[in-house]
């Protein structure tokens, strides 16, 4: 697979209706907002959803059966509820892989082997910060010498910005009650009700932007095929992502815009490309004219899934 040769910019427009797209755990899990009350979905949350869709893609390609077409398409940072292997931690996943290919955790070997195995490492990069393992106790009570541990940073070519709503959002908070016994009581009576809150965004149009850098792609061997894989899953970003806070159908991708430049450095800056997109409050779009970008020629527009 050839590494990415052309700079790519992209934008994803999405709709939220009666859902909590990204709760803030430090604020009673209320939907995130900035100081001007514009809704926010963090880049970490968005990359989590991209990784989840990549895990599903890996399974679809036959990765669990070891099919050749899935080679190099595994995902390193898997969420516990979607994990498809028996690894108990990131360290465990890394060590099991490196052990399977008969390699130790040296810096250069770690980078090369990690990028060859995991598509999210090639795309977003990864910090392998594995602490020192302690050895067994000696007879005098001191520790035997263990491994030294490693701290290796891999910088990825794919960057994703946080998503923000086009206009300030309205948040509805609902008080809920749990009226079943959580635990047995000494007197055998029902325990007292537990009160709680649920929050939702009534409705809103959000947009986030991203870019792919060919210079950094050379370092991780991020390929044209990897870029196509991400382009393929962006319209389906919220499929199989349902929860109590995000019921099925409450979040949807409206449009994906994909700008592919004709060179590594790009005809225009990412800021200029992203700024050429104007989005109306109803989700309709207007595009300023940019040299080298026309629909079907350097610019692709996809409807959401």
Protein backbone atom coordinates (compact mmCIF):
# COMPACT_ATOMS: atom_id res chain seq x y z
CA UNK A 1 0.00 0.00 0.00
CA UNK A 2 1.35 3.41 -0.98
CA UNK A 3 1.46 6.12 1.67
CA UNK A 4 -0.87 9.10 1.37
CA UNK A 5 0.36 11.41 -1.42
CA UNK A 6 -2.25 14.18 -1.37
CA UNK A 7 -3.36 16.38 1.49
CA UNK A 8 -7.00 15.84 2.47
CA UNK A 9 -9.42 18.08 4.36
CA UNK A 10 -12.88 17.00 5.41
CA UNK A 11 -15.97 18.24 7.22
CA UNK A 12 -18.87 16.38 8.80
CA UNK A 13 -22.25 18.02 9.42
CA UNK A 14 -24.49 16.25 11.92
CA UNK A 15 -27.88 16.68 13.54
CA UNK A 16 -28.76 16.08 17.19
CA UNK A 17 -32.39 15.78 18.30
CA UNK A 18 -33.40 14.93 21.85
CA UNK A 19 -30.05 13.35 22.71
CA UNK A 20 -26.97 13.99 24.83
CA UNK A 21 -24.18 13.89 22.24
CA UNK A 22 -21.30 14.25 24.71
CA UNK A 23 -21.92 14.60 28.45
CA UNK A 24 -19.52 16.41 30.75
CA UNK A 25 -18.75 14.19 33.79
CA UNK A 26 -17.62 17.25 35.78
CA UNK A 27 -20.99 18.93 35.22
CA UNK A 28 -23.52 16.21 36.14
CA UNK A 29 -23.14 14.76 32.61
CA UNK A 30 -24.90 17.74 31.04
CA UNK A 31 -24.26 18.14 27.30
CA UNK A 32 -21.01 20.03 26.79
CA UNK A 33 -21.23 23.70 25.91
CA UNK A 34 -18.73 26.53 25.64
CA UNK A 35 -19.06 29.84 27.47
CA UNK A 36 -21.35 31.19 24.76
CA UNK A 37 -23.69 28.18 25.10
CA UNK A 38 -22.75 26.64 21.76
CA UNK A 39 -22.92 22.85 21.96
CA UNK A 40 -19.65 20.95 21.84
CA UNK A 41 -18.58 17.38 21.08
CA UNK A 42 -14.91 16.87 21.90
CA UNK A 43 -12.40 15.53 19.41
CA UNK A 44 -11.72 12.64 21.81
CA UNK A 45 -15.39 11.64 21.66
CA UNK A 46 -15.41 11.83 17.85
CA UNK A 47 -12.26 9.73 17.54
CA UNK A 48 -13.81 7.17 19.89
CA UNK A 49 -16.73 6.79 17.48
CA UNK A 50 -14.36 6.55 14.49
CA UNK A 51 -12.42 3.80 16.26
CA UNK A 52 -15.65 1.95 17.08
CA UNK A 53 -16.68 1.98 13.42
CA UNK A 54 -13.17 0.81 12.46
CA UNK A 55 -13.52 -2.11 14.87
CA UNK A 56 -16.78 -3.08 13.18
CA UNK A 57 -15.10 -2.75 9.79
CA UNK A 58 -12.25 -4.99 10.95
CA UNK A 59 -14.74 -7.68 12.00
CA UNK A 60 -16.60 -7.33 8.69
CA UNK A 61 -13.34 -7.83 6.80
CA UNK A 62 -12.84 -11.10 8.64
CA UNK A 63 -10.18 -9.92 11.04
CA UNK A 64 -11.24 -12.31 13.81
CA UNK A 65 -10.87 -15.18 11.36
CA UNK A 66 -7.45 -13.96 10.28
CA UNK A 67 -8.39 -13.18 6.68
CA UNK A 68 -5.67 -11.52 4.61
CA UNK A 69 -7.78 -8.49 3.63
CA UNK A 70 -8.03 -7.51 7.31
CA UNK A 71 -4.27 -7.51 7.87
CA UNK A 72 -3.15 -4.21 9.36
CA UNK A 73 -6.75 -3.04 9.95
CA UNK A 74 -7.03 -3.90 13.64
CA UNK A 75 -7.70 -1.17 16.21
CA UNK A 76 -5.40 -0.65 19.19
CA UNK A 77 -7.54 1.59 21.45
CA UNK A 78 -10.72 -0.44 21.80
CA UNK A 79 -13.46 0.44 24.27
CA UNK A 80 -14.26 -2.25 26.82
CA UNK A 81 -17.86 -2.71 25.65
CA UNK A 82 -16.76 -3.29 22.04
CA UNK A 83 -13.54 -5.21 22.65
CA UNK A 84 -13.03 -8.11 20.24
CA UNK A 85 -9.94 -9.68 21.80
CA UNK A 86 -8.96 -10.94 25.24
CA UNK A 87 -6.56 -8.12 26.10
CA UNK A 88 -7.12 -6.67 29.57
CA UNK A 89 -5.33 -3.37 28.93
CA UNK A 90 -3.47 -1.45 26.25
CA UNK A 91 -0.21 -2.76 27.64
CA UNK A 92 -1.50 -6.32 27.50
CA UNK A 93 -2.65 -5.83 23.89
CA UNK A 94 0.70 -4.37 22.88
CA UNK A 95 2.81 -6.99 24.62
CA UNK A 96 0.77 -9.89 23.26
CA UNK A 97 1.23 -8.58 19.72
CA UNK A 98 4.94 -7.91 20.02
CA UNK A 99 5.47 -11.29 21.67
CA UNK A 100 3.57 -13.01 18.85
CA UNK A 101 6.01 -11.62 16.28
CA UNK A 102 9.01 -12.39 18.48
CA UNK A 103 10.04 -8.80 19.15
CA UNK A 104 10.97 -6.87 22.26
CA UNK A 105 9.71 -3.39 23.08
CA UNK A 106 12.50 -1.36 21.53
CA UNK A 107 11.66 2.16 20.31
CA UNK A 108 12.07 1.72 16.54
CA UNK A 109 10.58 -1.76 16.55
CA UNK A 110 7.61 -0.56 18.58
CA UNK A 111 6.82 2.24 16.12
CA UNK A 112 7.17 0.06 13.01
CA UNK A 113 5.26 -2.92 14.37
CA UNK A 114 2.50 -0.82 15.95
CA UNK A 115 1.90 1.16 12.76
CA UNK A 116 1.86 -2.02 10.66
CA UNK A 117 -0.73 -3.70 12.89
CA UNK A 118 -3.17 -0.98 14.03
CA UNK A 119 -4.94 1.46 11.71
CA UNK A 120 -5.81 3.91 14.51
CA UNK A 121 -2.13 4.18 15.45
CA UNK A 122 -1.26 4.97 11.83
CA UNK A 123 -4.06 7.54 11.70
CA UNK A 124 -4.13 9.32 15.07
CA UNK A 125 -0.78 8.33 16.53
CA UNK A 126 -0.34 6.86 19.99
CA UNK A 127 1.68 7.32 23.14
CA UNK A 128 3.14 4.02 24.32
CA UNK A 129 3.83 4.94 27.93
CA UNK A 130 4.38 1.59 29.58
CA UNK A 131 5.70 1.77 33.13
CA UNK A 132 8.49 -0.37 34.50
CA UNK A 133 7.55 -3.83 35.68
CA UNK A 134 8.96 -4.76 39.05
CA UNK A 135 10.97 -7.96 39.35
CA UNK A 136 10.58 -10.59 42.05
CA UNK A 137 11.83 -9.97 45.57
CA UNK A 138 15.36 -11.10 46.40
CA UNK A 139 16.15 -12.97 49.60
CA UNK A 140 17.31 -9.74 51.25
CA UNK A 141 13.96 -8.12 50.47
CA UNK A 142 15.16 -5.88 47.62
CA UNK A 143 13.62 -5.97 44.15
CA UNK A 144 15.23 -7.83 41.31
CA UNK A 145 15.82 -5.76 38.21
CA UNK A 146 12.69 -5.65 36.02
CA UNK A 147 12.18 -4.20 32.57
CA UNK A 148 12.95 -0.52 32.14
CA UNK A 149 9.57 0.43 30.66
CA UNK A 150 9.15 2.61 27.61
CA UNK A 151 7.68 5.96 26.63
CA UNK A 152 7.37 6.33 22.88
CA UNK A 153 5.23 8.93 21.14
CA UNK A 154 3.90 8.39 17.62
CA UNK A 155 2.50 11.45 15.89
CA UNK A 156 -0.34 10.64 13.50
CA UNK A 157 -1.29 12.40 10.26
CA UNK A 158 -5.05 12.60 10.92
CA UNK A 159 -6.31 15.47 13.07
CA UNK A 160 -9.92 15.96 14.10
CA UNK A 161 -11.34 19.13 15.62
CA UNK A 162 -14.10 19.29 18.20
CA UNK A 163 -17.63 19.69 16.84
CA UNK A 164 -19.61 22.83 17.67
CA UNK A 165 -23.24 23.71 17.11
CA UNK A 166 -24.09 26.44 14.61
CA UNK A 167 -26.26 28.31 17.11
CA UNK A 168 -26.57 28.22 20.92
CA UNK A 169 -28.43 25.12 22.07
CA UNK A 170 -31.32 24.53 24.46
CA UNK A 171 -30.81 21.83 27.08
CA UNK A 172 -33.74 20.10 28.76
CA UNK A 173 -33.13 18.46 32.14
CA UNK A 174 -35.50 15.79 33.44
CA UNK A 175 -35.60 14.44 36.97
CA UNK A 176 -35.76 10.65 37.16
CA UNK A 177 -36.38 8.22 40.00
CA UNK A 178 -35.09 4.73 40.63
CA UNK A 179 -37.82 3.00 42.63
CA UNK A 180 -36.45 -0.53 42.90
CA UNK A 181 -34.28 -2.05 45.59
CA UNK A 182 -30.62 -1.57 44.87
CA UNK A 183 -29.61 -3.63 47.89
CA UNK A 184 -31.34 -5.66 50.60
CA UNK A 185 -32.23 -3.79 53.77
CA UNK A 186 -31.96 -5.14 57.31
CA UNK A 187 -35.67 -4.79 58.01
CA UNK A 188 -36.65 -6.32 54.67
CA UNK A 189 -38.41 -3.17 53.52
CA UNK A 190 -37.90 -1.49 50.18
CA UNK A 191 -35.03 0.99 50.17
CA UNK A 192 -35.78 4.65 49.59
CA UNK A 193 -36.09 5.96 46.05
CA UNK A 194 -33.00 7.36 44.39
CA UNK A 195 -33.30 10.62 42.50
CA UNK A 196 -31.29 11.54 39.44
CA UNK A 197 -31.21 13.76 36.36
CA UNK A 198 -31.10 13.19 32.62
CA UNK A 199 -30.15 15.92 30.18
CA UNK A 200 -30.64 16.28 26.45
CA UNK A 201 -30.10 18.72 23.60
CA UNK A 202 -33.52 19.47 22.14
CA UNK A 203 -32.13 19.97 18.65
CA UNK A 204 -29.02 21.29 16.98
CA UNK A 205 -26.81 21.17 13.91
CA UNK A 206 -23.13 20.54 14.64
CA UNK A 207 -20.06 20.49 12.40
CA UNK A 208 -16.52 19.24 12.84
CA UNK A 209 -13.49 19.46 10.58
CA UNK A 210 -10.43 17.32 10.04
CA UNK A 211 -7.30 17.00 7.93
CA UNK A 212 -4.82 14.37 6.75
CA UNK A 213 -1.16 15.32 6.42
CA UNK A 214 0.97 13.40 3.84
CA UNK A 215 4.27 14.37 5.47
CA UNK A 216 3.28 12.76 8.75
CA UNK A 217 1.72 9.85 6.85
CA UNK A 218 5.21 8.92 5.67
CA UNK A 219 6.24 8.34 9.29
CA UNK A 220 3.38 6.00 10.17
CA UNK A 221 2.83 4.52 6.68
CA UNK A 222 -0.74 5.84 6.63
CA UNK A 223 -1.93 4.87 3.16
CA UNK A 224 -4.43 5.94 0.53
CA UNK A 225 -6.44 2.84 1.48
CA UNK A 226 -6.49 3.95 5.13
CA UNK A 227 -7.84 7.37 4.09
CA UNK A 228 -10.55 5.65 2.04
CA UNK A 229 -11.47 3.52 5.06
CA UNK A 230 -12.07 6.63 7.18
CA UNK A 231 -14.00 8.28 4.34
CA UNK A 232 -16.16 5.16 4.13
CA UNK A 233 -17.17 5.18 7.80
CA UNK A 234 -17.73 8.92 8.37
CA UNK A 235 -21.29 8.88 6.93
CA UNK A 236 -22.09 6.02 9.35
CA UNK A 237 -20.47 7.59 12.40
CA UNK A 238 -23.48 7.14 14.71
CA UNK A 239 -24.68 3.73 13.54
CA UNK A 240 -24.52 1.10 16.32
CA UNK A 241 -23.80 3.91 18.79
CA UNK A 242 -27.17 3.89 20.55
CA UNK A 243 -27.53 4.30 24.29
CA UNK A 244 -30.03 5.64 26.80
CA UNK A 245 -28.53 9.11 26.30
CA UNK A 246 -28.48 8.74 22.50
CA UNK A 247 -31.53 6.73 21.36
CA UNK A 248 -31.45 5.24 17.88
CA UNK A 249 -32.13 7.92 15.28
CA UNK A 250 -31.48 10.84 17.62
CA UNK A 251 -28.08 11.56 16.05
CA UNK A 252 -27.35 11.43 12.34
CA UNK A 253 -24.73 12.57 9.87
CA UNK A 254 -26.27 14.93 7.32
CA UNK A 255 -23.35 15.47 4.96
CA UNK A 256 -19.66 14.67 4.60
CA UNK A 257 -17.45 16.96 2.51
CA UNK A 258 -14.10 15.62 1.31
CA UNK A 259 -11.50 17.91 -0.25
CA UNK A 260 -8.54 16.11 -1.87
CA UNK A 261 -5.68 18.42 -2.82
CA UNK A 262 -3.48 17.83 -5.87
CA UNK A 263 -0.20 17.79 -3.92
CA UNK A 264 1.29 17.03 -0.50
CA UNK A 265 1.26 20.60 0.78
CA UNK A 266 -2.18 21.42 -0.67
CA UNK A 267 -3.37 24.21 -2.96
CA UNK A 268 -4.86 26.08 0.02
CA UNK A 269 -4.47 26.07 3.79
CA UNK A 270 -6.84 23.90 5.80
CA UNK A 271 -8.23 27.04 7.41
CA UNK A 272 -9.14 28.48 4.00
CA UNK A 273 -10.69 25.20 2.83
CA UNK A 274 -12.74 24.77 5.98
CA UNK A 275 -13.72 28.44 5.89
CA UNK A 276 -15.14 28.04 2.38
CA UNK A 277 -18.01 26.03 3.87
CA UNK A 278 -20.98 28.02 5.11
CA UNK A 279 -23.73 26.06 6.86
CA UNK A 280 -27.27 27.29 7.36
CA UNK A 281 -29.11 26.62 10.63
CA UNK A 282 -31.23 23.98 8.82
CA UNK A 283 -28.15 22.08 7.65
CA UNK A 284 -28.06 23.30 4.05
CA UNK A 285 -24.66 24.37 2.79
CA UNK A 286 -23.04 27.06 0.65
CA UNK A 287 -19.51 26.73 -0.71
CA UNK A 288 -17.25 29.62 -1.65
CA UNK A 289 -15.33 29.06 -4.87
CA UNK A 290 -11.80 27.75 -4.43
CA UNK A 291 -9.38 27.18 -7.29
CA UNK A 292 -8.95 23.47 -7.92
CA UNK A 293 -12.05 22.40 -6.02
CA UNK A 294 -15.31 21.71 -7.77
CA UNK A 295 -17.87 19.02 -7.06
CA UNK A 296 -16.54 15.88 -8.72
CA UNK A 297 -13.09 17.45 -9.15
CA UNK A 298 -11.18 17.56 -5.90
CA UNK A 299 -14.40 17.84 -3.89
CA UNK A 300 -16.76 15.03 -2.98
CA UNK A 301 -20.02 15.50 -1.05
CA UNK A 302 -21.73 12.50 0.56
CA UNK A 303 -25.10 12.23 2.19
CA UNK A 304 -25.24 10.66 5.63
CA UNK A 305 -26.07 6.97 5.92
